[in-house]
């Protein structure tokens, strides 16, 4: 279920997906809500493009660390490629 920022207070949420299209964001919200996954979503900027790089806005999806594995499994089952930090 979609949670407000207060839900994550005192904890470090983990980024699991960056939706670049509204349609993808709305569908993932529906999938997470249907599966009972607590998540947060906020608009933020990312860099995109290959030849013409630009700053774009996307929907960033976050879950608590203990829910990352479940969120990734659900996303993969529905054709989403989870965001995984490169550790930098």
PDB file of N, CA and C in Angstrom:
ATOM      1  N   UNK A   1       0.833  -1.167   0.000  1.00  0.00           N
ATOM      2  CA  UNK A   1       0.000   0.000   0.000  1.00  0.00           C
ATOM      3  C   UNK A   1       0.889   1.247   0.000  1.00  0.00           C
ATOM      4  N   UNK A   2       0.431   2.246  -0.694  1.00  0.00           N
ATOM      5  CA  UNK A   2       1.202   3.491  -0.765  1.00  0.00           C
ATOM      6  C   UNK A   2       1.243   4.144   0.600  1.00  0.00           C
ATOM      7  N   UNK A   3       2.446   4.559   1.006  1.00  0.00           N
ATOM      8  CA  UNK A   3       2.649   5.156   2.318  1.00  0.00           C
ATOM      9  C   UNK A   3       3.200   6.570   2.161  1.00  0.00           C
ATOM     10  N   UNK A   4       2.908   7.385   3.140  1.00  0.00           N
ATOM     11  CA  UNK A   4       3.434   8.748   3.187  1.00  0.00           C
ATOM     12  C   UNK A   4       4.845   8.721   3.785  1.00  0.00           C
ATOM     13  N   UNK A   5       5.543   9.831   3.707  1.00  0.00           N
ATOM     14  CA  UNK A   5       6.926   9.932   4.178  1.00  0.00           C
ATOM     15  C   UNK A   5       7.061   9.550   5.652  1.00  0.00           C
ATOM     16  N   UNK A   6       6.066   9.856   6.469  1.00  0.00           N
ATOM     17  CA  UNK A   6       6.125   9.550   7.903  1.00  0.00           C
ATOM     18  C   UNK A   6       6.309   8.055   8.160  1.00  0.00           C
ATOM     19  N   UNK A   7       5.817   7.214   7.271  1.00  0.00           N
ATOM     20  CA  UNK A   7       5.945   5.760   7.410  1.00  0.00           C
ATOM     21  C   UNK A   7       7.418   5.351   7.442  1.00  0.00           C
ATOM     22  N   UNK A   8       8.272   6.070   6.729  1.00  0.00           N
ATOM     23  CA  UNK A   8       9.687   5.737   6.623  1.00  0.00           C
ATOM     24  C   UNK A   8      10.554   6.463   7.652  1.00  0.00           C
ATOM     25  N   UNK A   9       9.930   7.269   8.511  1.00  0.00           N
ATOM     26  CA  UNK A   9      10.671   8.074   9.483  1.00  0.00           C
ATOM     27  C   UNK A   9      11.595   7.193  10.328  1.00  0.00           C
ATOM     28  N   UNK A  10      12.862   7.590  10.381  1.00  0.00           N
ATOM     29  CA  UNK A  10      13.834   6.864  11.194  1.00  0.00           C
ATOM     30  C   UNK A  10      14.398   5.625  10.520  1.00  0.00           C
ATOM     31  N   UNK A  11      13.985   5.357   9.302  1.00  0.00           N
ATOM     32  CA  UNK A  11      14.470   4.196   8.562  1.00  0.00           C
ATOM     33  C   UNK A  11      14.958   4.662   7.194  1.00  0.00           C
ATOM     34  N   UNK A  12      15.847   3.916   6.597  1.00  0.00           N
ATOM     35  CA  UNK A  12      16.402   4.282   5.295  1.00  0.00           C
ATOM     36  C   UNK A  12      15.699   3.469   4.207  1.00  0.00           C
ATOM     37  N   UNK A  13      14.765   4.079   3.465  1.00  0.00           N
ATOM     38  CA  UNK A  13      14.081   3.335   2.400  1.00  0.00           C
ATOM     39  C   UNK A  13      15.046   3.000   1.267  1.00  0.00           C
ATOM     40  N   UNK A  14      14.745   1.933   0.548  1.00  0.00           N
ATOM     41  CA  UNK A  14      15.581   1.465  -0.553  1.00  0.00           C
ATOM     42  C   UNK A  14      14.869   1.711  -1.878  1.00  0.00           C
ATOM     43  N   UNK A  15      15.576   2.308  -2.817  1.00  0.00           N
ATOM     44  CA  UNK A  15      15.029   2.548  -4.152  1.00  0.00           C
ATOM     45  C   UNK A  15      14.932   1.226  -4.894  1.00  0.00           C
ATOM     46  N   UNK A  16      13.739   0.895  -5.396  1.00  0.00           N
ATOM     47  CA  UNK A  16      13.561  -0.369  -6.114  1.00  0.00           C
ATOM     48  C   UNK A  16      13.196  -0.177  -7.584  1.00  0.00           C
ATOM     49  N   UNK A  17      12.745   1.041  -7.967  1.00  0.00           N
ATOM     50  CA  UNK A  17      12.360   1.238  -9.359  1.00  0.00           C
ATOM     51  C   UNK A  17      12.241   2.724  -9.673  1.00  0.00           C
ATOM     52  N   UNK A  18      12.605   3.074 -10.903  1.00  0.00           N
ATOM     53  CA  UNK A  18      12.386   4.433 -11.408  1.00  0.00           C
ATOM     54  C   UNK A  18      11.484   4.308 -12.627  1.00  0.00           C
ATOM     55  N   UNK A  19      10.242   4.749 -12.493  1.00  0.00           N
ATOM     56  CA  UNK A  19       9.288   4.710 -13.608  1.00  0.00           C
ATOM     57  C   UNK A  19       9.507   5.951 -14.461  1.00  0.00           C
ATOM     58  N   UNK A  20       9.767   5.722 -15.729  1.00  0.00           N
ATOM     59  CA  UNK A  20      10.032   6.829 -16.639  1.00  0.00           C
ATOM     60  C   UNK A  20       8.778   7.271 -17.382  1.00  0.00           C
ATOM     61  N   UNK A  21       7.721   6.473 -17.284  1.00  0.00           N
ATOM     62  CA  UNK A  21       6.445   6.797 -17.921  1.00  0.00           C
ATOM     63  C   UNK A  21       5.333   6.694 -16.883  1.00  0.00           C
ATOM     64  N   UNK A  22       4.378   7.583 -16.974  1.00  0.00           N
ATOM     65  CA  UNK A  22       3.259   7.601 -16.033  1.00  0.00           C
ATOM     66  C   UNK A  22       2.518   6.273 -16.038  1.00  0.00           C
ATOM     67  N   UNK A  23       2.320   5.701 -17.211  1.00  0.00           N
ATOM     68  CA  UNK A  23       1.602   4.428 -17.335  1.00  0.00           C
ATOM     69  C   UNK A  23       2.288   3.330 -16.517  1.00  0.00           C
ATOM     70  N   UNK A  24       3.618   3.275 -16.568  1.00  0.00           N
ATOM     71  CA  UNK A  24       4.367   2.284 -15.791  1.00  0.00           C
ATOM     72  C   UNK A  24       4.234   2.530 -14.298  1.00  0.00           C
ATOM     73  N   UNK A  25       4.289   3.791 -13.894  1.00  0.00           N
ATOM     74  CA  UNK A  25       4.172   4.138 -12.479  1.00  0.00           C
ATOM     75  C   UNK A  25       2.807   3.739 -11.932  1.00  0.00           C
ATOM     76  N   UNK A  26       1.761   4.060 -12.660  1.00  0.00           N
ATOM     77  CA  UNK A  26       0.408   3.731 -12.199  1.00  0.00           C
ATOM     78  C   UNK A  26       0.197   2.219 -12.120  1.00  0.00           C
ATOM     79  N   UNK A  27       0.735   1.509 -13.099  1.00  0.00           N
ATOM     80  CA  UNK A  27       0.594   0.047 -13.105  1.00  0.00           C
ATOM     81  C   UNK A  27       1.349  -0.571 -11.924  1.00  0.00           C
ATOM     82  N   UNK A  28       2.567  -0.088 -11.652  1.00  0.00           N
ATOM     83  CA  UNK A  28       3.332  -0.631 -10.532  1.00  0.00           C
ATOM     84  C   UNK A  28       2.664  -0.313  -9.201  1.00  0.00           C
ATOM     85  N   UNK A  29       2.079   0.859  -9.081  1.00  0.00           N
ATOM     86  CA  UNK A  29       1.329   1.186  -7.856  1.00  0.00           C
ATOM     87  C   UNK A  29       0.194   0.190  -7.657  1.00  0.00           C
ATOM     88  N   UNK A  30      -0.509  -0.120  -8.715  1.00  0.00           N
ATOM     89  CA  UNK A  30      -1.616  -1.074  -8.644  1.00  0.00           C
ATOM     90  C   UNK A  30      -1.106  -2.467  -8.249  1.00  0.00           C
ATOM     91  N   UNK A  31       0.007  -2.881  -8.819  1.00  0.00           N
ATOM     92  CA  UNK A  31       0.590  -4.193  -8.528  1.00  0.00           C
ATOM     93  C   UNK A  31       1.034  -4.273  -7.066  1.00  0.00           C
ATOM     94  N   UNK A  32       1.788  -3.269  -6.594  1.00  0.00           N
ATOM     95  CA  UNK A  32       2.242  -3.262  -5.209  1.00  0.00           C
ATOM     96  C   UNK A  32       1.067  -3.228  -4.240  1.00  0.00           C
ATOM     97  N   UNK A  33       0.062  -2.409  -4.512  1.00  0.00           N
ATOM     98  CA  UNK A  33      -1.105  -2.324  -3.628  1.00  0.00           C
ATOM     99  C   UNK A  33      -1.849  -3.648  -3.582  1.00  0.00           C
ATOM    100  N   UNK A  34      -2.018  -4.269  -4.740  1.00  0.00           N
ATOM    101  CA  UNK A  34      -2.702  -5.565  -4.806  1.00  0.00           C
ATOM    102  C   UNK A  34      -1.963  -6.660  -4.070  1.00  0.00           C
ATOM    103  N   UNK A  35      -0.640  -6.548  -4.013  1.00  0.00           N
ATOM    104  CA  UNK A  35       0.185  -7.560  -3.342  1.00  0.00           C
ATOM    105  C   UNK A  35       0.412  -7.229  -1.859  1.00  0.00           C
ATOM    106  N   UNK A  36      -0.080  -6.083  -1.428  1.00  0.00           N
ATOM    107  CA  UNK A  36       0.082  -5.696  -0.028  1.00  0.00           C
ATOM    108  C   UNK A  36       1.475  -5.202   0.328  1.00  0.00           C
ATOM    109  N   UNK A  37       2.219  -4.720  -0.655  1.00  0.00           N
ATOM    110  CA  UNK A  37       3.564  -4.190  -0.411  1.00  0.00           C
ATOM    111  C   UNK A  37       3.455  -2.732   0.012  1.00  0.00           C
ATOM    112  N   UNK A  38       4.071  -2.400   1.147  1.00  0.00           N
ATOM    113  CA  UNK A  38       4.138  -0.997   1.576  1.00  0.00           C
ATOM    114  C   UNK A  38       5.251  -0.322   0.800  1.00  0.00           C
ATOM    115  N   UNK A  39       4.943   0.797   0.161  1.00  0.00           N
ATOM    116  CA  UNK A  39       5.919   1.488  -0.672  1.00  0.00           C
ATOM    117  C   UNK A  39       5.677   2.988  -0.600  1.00  0.00           C
ATOM    118  N   UNK A  40       6.703   3.725  -0.957  1.00  0.00           N
ATOM    119  CA  UNK A  40       6.596   5.165  -1.101  1.00  0.00           C
ATOM    120  C   UNK A  40       6.972   5.514  -2.519  1.00  0.00           C
ATOM    121  N   UNK A  41       6.416   6.584  -3.034  1.00  0.00           N
ATOM    122  CA  UNK A  41       6.740   7.021  -4.392  1.00  0.00           C
ATOM    123  C   UNK A  41       6.847   8.538  -4.388  1.00  0.00           C
ATOM    124  N   UNK A  42       7.863   9.041  -5.094  1.00  0.00           N
ATOM    125  CA  UNK A  42       8.024  10.484  -5.210  1.00  0.00           C
ATOM    126  C   UNK A  42       8.606  10.822  -6.573  1.00  0.00           C
ATOM    127  N   UNK A  43       8.274  11.994  -7.053  1.00  0.00           N
ATOM    128  CA  UNK A  43       8.836  12.472  -8.322  1.00  0.00           C
ATOM    129  C   UNK A  43      10.235  13.009  -8.051  1.00  0.00           C
ATOM    130  N   UNK A  44      11.152  12.680  -8.949  1.00  0.00           N
ATOM    131  CA  UNK A  44      12.520  13.160  -8.823  1.00  0.00           C
ATOM    132  C   UNK A  44      13.150  13.190 -10.206  1.00  0.00           C
ATOM    133  N   UNK A  45      14.319  13.771 -10.297  1.00  0.00           N
ATOM    134  CA  UNK A  45      15.002  13.898 -11.586  1.00  0.00           C
ATOM    135  C   UNK A  45      16.008  12.780 -11.789  1.00  0.00           C
ATOM    136  N   UNK A  46      16.181  12.377 -13.049  1.00  0.00           N
ATOM    137  CA  UNK A  46      17.215  11.430 -13.433  1.00  0.00           C
ATOM    138  C   UNK A  46      17.763  11.875 -14.784  1.00  0.00           C
ATOM    139  N   UNK A  47      18.920  11.385 -15.141  1.00  0.00           N
ATOM    140  CA  UNK A  47      19.519  11.702 -16.439  1.00  0.00           C
ATOM    141  C   UNK A  47      19.181  10.596 -17.412  1.00  0.00           C
ATOM    142  N   UNK A  48      18.747  10.971 -18.613  1.00  0.00           N
ATOM    143  CA  UNK A  48      18.379   9.989 -19.628  1.00  0.00           C
ATOM    144  C   UNK A  48      18.854  10.401 -21.003  1.00  0.00           C
ATOM    145  N   UNK A  49      18.734   9.475 -21.933  1.00  0.00           N
ATOM    146  CA  UNK A  49      19.147   9.744 -23.307  1.00  0.00           C
ATOM    147  C   UNK A  49      20.518   9.169 -23.589  1.00  0.00           C
ATOM    148  N   UNK A  50      20.732   8.804 -24.844  1.00  0.00           N
ATOM    149  CA  UNK A  50      22.018   8.248 -25.243  1.00  0.00           C
ATOM    150  C   UNK A  50      22.823   9.302 -25.988  1.00  0.00           C
ATOM    151  N   UNK A  51      22.264   9.799 -27.052  1.00  0.00           N
ATOM    152  CA  UNK A  51      22.956  10.813 -27.845  1.00  0.00           C
ATOM    153  C   UNK A  51      22.732  12.197 -27.236  1.00  0.00           C
ATOM    154  N   UNK A  52      21.484  12.526 -26.962  1.00  0.00           N
ATOM    155  CA  UNK A  52      21.128  13.824 -26.378  1.00  0.00           C
ATOM    156  C   UNK A  52      20.727  13.618 -24.919  1.00  0.00           C
ATOM    157  N   UNK A  53      21.704  13.685 -24.021  1.00  0.00           N
ATOM    158  CA  UNK A  53      21.436  13.492 -22.600  1.00  0.00           C
ATOM    159  C   UNK A  53      20.670  14.687 -22.054  1.00  0.00           C
ATOM    160  N   UNK A  54      19.721  14.409 -21.198  1.00  0.00           N
ATOM    161  CA  UNK A  54      18.943  15.483 -20.590  1.00  0.00           C
ATOM    162  C   UNK A  54      18.457  15.040 -19.212  1.00  0.00           C
ATOM    163  N   UNK A  55      18.008  16.000 -18.438  1.00  0.00           N
ATOM    164  CA  UNK A  55      17.426  15.728 -17.130  1.00  0.00           C
ATOM    165  C   UNK A  55      15.932  15.532 -17.329  1.00  0.00           C
ATOM    166  N   UNK A  56      15.429  14.452 -16.793  1.00  0.00           N
ATOM    167  CA  UNK A  56      14.008  14.115 -16.923  1.00  0.00           C
ATOM    168  C   UNK A  56      13.427  13.856 -15.543  1.00  0.00           C
ATOM    169  N   UNK A  57      12.113  13.776 -15.459  1.00  0.00           N
ATOM    170  CA  UNK A  57      11.438  13.512 -14.190  1.00  0.00           C
ATOM    171  C   UNK A  57      10.781  12.147 -14.258  1.00  0.00           C
ATOM    172  N   UNK A  58      10.960  11.372 -13.188  1.00  0.00           N
ATOM    173  CA  UNK A  58      10.354  10.053 -13.105  1.00  0.00           C
ATOM    174  C   UNK A  58       9.751   9.832 -11.730  1.00  0.00           C
ATOM    175  N   UNK A  59       9.070   8.701 -11.574  1.00  0.00           N
ATOM    176  CA  UNK A  59       8.493   8.315 -10.286  1.00  0.00           C
ATOM    177  C   UNK A  59       9.434   7.306  -9.640  1.00  0.00           C
ATOM    178  N   UNK A  60       9.991   7.664  -8.492  1.00  0.00           N
ATOM    179  CA  UNK A  60      10.947   6.820  -7.782  1.00  0.00           C
ATOM    180  C   UNK A  60      10.197   6.032  -6.711  1.00  0.00           C
ATOM    181  N   UNK A  61      10.293   4.703  -6.766  1.00  0.00           N
ATOM    182  CA  UNK A  61       9.596   3.816  -5.829  1.00  0.00           C
ATOM    183  C   UNK A  61      10.558   3.313  -4.768  1.00  0.00           C
ATOM    184  N   UNK A  62      10.147   3.416  -3.514  1.00  0.00           N
ATOM    185  CA  UNK A  62      10.958   2.999  -2.378  1.00  0.00           C
ATOM    186  C   UNK A  62      10.204   2.007  -1.511  1.00  0.00           C
ATOM    187  N   UNK A  63      10.939   1.080  -0.899  1.00  0.00           N
ATOM    188  CA  UNK A  63      10.383   0.175   0.107  1.00  0.00           C
ATOM    189  C   UNK A  63      11.371   0.109   1.265  1.00  0.00           C
ATOM    190  N   UNK A  64      10.933  -0.440   2.388  1.00  0.00           N
ATOM    191  CA  UNK A  64      11.840  -0.647   3.507  1.00  0.00           C
ATOM    192  C   UNK A  64      12.794  -1.790   3.174  1.00  0.00           C
ATOM    193  N   UNK A  65      13.993  -1.787   3.754  1.00  0.00           N
ATOM    194  CA  UNK A  65      14.991  -2.810   3.417  1.00  0.00           C
ATOM    195  C   UNK A  65      14.481  -4.251   3.539  1.00  0.00           C
ATOM    196  N   UNK A  66      13.662  -4.522   4.528  1.00  0.00           N
ATOM    197  CA  UNK A  66      13.173  -5.900   4.713  1.00  0.00           C
ATOM    198  C   UNK A  66      12.163  -6.313   3.639  1.00  0.00           C
ATOM    199  N   UNK A  67      11.662  -5.370   2.853  1.00  0.00           N
ATOM    200  CA  UNK A  67      10.691  -5.678   1.804  1.00  0.00           C
ATOM    201  C   UNK A  67      11.306  -5.709   0.404  1.00  0.00           C
ATOM    202  N   UNK A  68      12.602  -5.437   0.285  1.00  0.00           N
ATOM    203  CA  UNK A  68      13.242  -5.361  -1.029  1.00  0.00           C
ATOM    204  C   UNK A  68      13.117  -6.665  -1.803  1.00  0.00           C
ATOM    205  N   UNK A  69      13.417  -7.774  -1.171  1.00  0.00           N
ATOM    206  CA  UNK A  69      13.380  -9.077  -1.847  1.00  0.00           C
ATOM    207  C   UNK A  69      11.989  -9.385  -2.388  1.00  0.00           C
ATOM    208  N   UNK A  70      10.979  -9.173  -1.571  1.00  0.00           N
ATOM    209  CA  UNK A  70       9.595  -9.423  -1.994  1.00  0.00           C
ATOM    210  C   UNK A  70       9.200  -8.486  -3.128  1.00  0.00           C
ATOM    211  N   UNK A  71       9.561  -7.208  -3.002  1.00  0.00           N
ATOM    212  CA  UNK A  71       9.236  -6.229  -4.046  1.00  0.00           C
ATOM    213  C   UNK A  71       9.896  -6.622  -5.366  1.00  0.00           C
ATOM    214  N   UNK A  72      11.161  -7.042  -5.319  1.00  0.00           N
ATOM    215  CA  UNK A  72      11.860  -7.462  -6.533  1.00  0.00           C
ATOM    216  C   UNK A  72      11.184  -8.664  -7.177  1.00  0.00           C
ATOM    217  N   UNK A  73      10.789  -9.644  -6.381  1.00  0.00           N
ATOM    218  CA  UNK A  73      10.113 -10.836  -6.913  1.00  0.00           C
ATOM    219  C   UNK A  73       8.805 -10.464  -7.600  1.00  0.00           C
ATOM    220  N   UNK A  74       8.035  -9.614  -6.968  1.00  0.00           N
ATOM    221  CA  UNK A  74       6.755  -9.182  -7.534  1.00  0.00           C
ATOM    222  C   UNK A  74       6.982  -8.424  -8.833  1.00  0.00           C
ATOM    223  N   UNK A  75       7.969  -7.537  -8.835  1.00  0.00           N
ATOM    224  CA  UNK A  75       8.257  -6.757 -10.034  1.00  0.00           C
ATOM    225  C   UNK A  75       8.684  -7.657 -11.186  1.00  0.00           C
ATOM    226  N   UNK A  76       9.575  -8.592 -10.928  1.00  0.00           N
ATOM    227  CA  UNK A  76      10.038  -9.502 -11.980  1.00  0.00           C
ATOM    228  C   UNK A  76       8.886 -10.330 -12.536  1.00  0.00           C
ATOM    229  N   UNK A  77       7.999 -10.768 -11.659  1.00  0.00           N
ATOM    230  CA  UNK A  77       6.837 -11.564 -12.077  1.00  0.00           C
ATOM    231  C   UNK A  77       5.932 -10.783 -13.031  1.00  0.00           C
ATOM    232  N   UNK A  78       5.934  -9.454 -12.892  1.00  0.00           N
ATOM    233  CA  UNK A  78       5.074  -8.608 -13.725  1.00  0.00           C
ATOM    234  C   UNK A  78       5.833  -7.887 -14.839  1.00  0.00           C
ATOM    235  N   UNK A  79       7.062  -8.306 -15.093  1.00  0.00           N
ATOM    236  CA  UNK A  79       7.813  -7.759 -16.220  1.00  0.00           C
ATOM    237  C   UNK A  79       8.588  -6.484 -15.954  1.00  0.00           C
ATOM    238  N   UNK A  80       8.770  -6.117 -14.698  1.00  0.00           N
ATOM    239  CA  UNK A  80       9.544  -4.932 -14.346  1.00  0.00           C
ATOM    240  C   UNK A  80      10.966  -5.343 -13.989  1.00  0.00           C
ATOM    241  N   UNK A  81      11.930  -4.546 -14.388  1.00  0.00           N
ATOM    242  CA  UNK A  81      13.328  -4.781 -14.039  1.00  0.00           C
ATOM    243  C   UNK A  81      13.655  -3.913 -12.826  1.00  0.00           C
ATOM    244  N   UNK A  82      13.861  -4.511 -11.645  1.00  0.00           N
ATOM    245  CA  UNK A  82      14.138  -3.729 -10.443  1.00  0.00           C
ATOM    246  C   UNK A  82      15.415  -2.906 -10.570  1.00  0.00           C
ATOM    247  N   UNK A  83      15.426  -1.757  -9.912  1.00  0.00           N
ATOM    248  CA  UNK A  83      16.615  -0.934  -9.829  1.00  0.00           C
ATOM    249  C   UNK A  83      17.537  -1.574  -8.795  1.00  0.00           C
ATOM    250  N   UNK A  84      18.794  -1.734  -9.153  1.00  0.00           N
ATOM    251  CA  UNK A  84      19.794  -2.255  -8.228  1.00  0.00           C
ATOM    252  C   UNK A  84      20.961  -1.281  -8.243  1.00  0.00           C
ATOM    253  N   UNK A  85      21.319  -0.785  -7.080  1.00  0.00           N
ATOM    254  CA  UNK A  85      22.413   0.173  -6.957  1.00  0.00           C
ATOM    255  C   UNK A  85      23.723  -0.470  -7.392  1.00  0.00           C
ATOM    256  N   UNK A  86      24.558   0.314  -8.051  1.00  0.00           N
ATOM    257  CA  UNK A  86      25.865  -0.204  -8.479  1.00  0.00           C
ATOM    258  C   UNK A  86      26.894  -0.089  -7.344  1.00  0.00           C
ATOM    259  N   UNK A  87      26.456   0.370  -6.172  1.00  0.00           N
ATOM    260  CA  UNK A  87      27.331   0.425  -5.007  1.00  0.00           C
ATOM    261  C   UNK A  87      28.263   1.620  -4.945  1.00  0.00           C
ATOM    262  N   UNK A  88      28.117   2.566  -5.846  1.00  0.00           N
ATOM    263  CA  UNK A  88      28.981   3.751  -5.834  1.00  0.00           C
ATOM    264  C   UNK A  88      28.393   4.838  -4.990  1.00  0.00           C
TER     265      UNK A  88
END
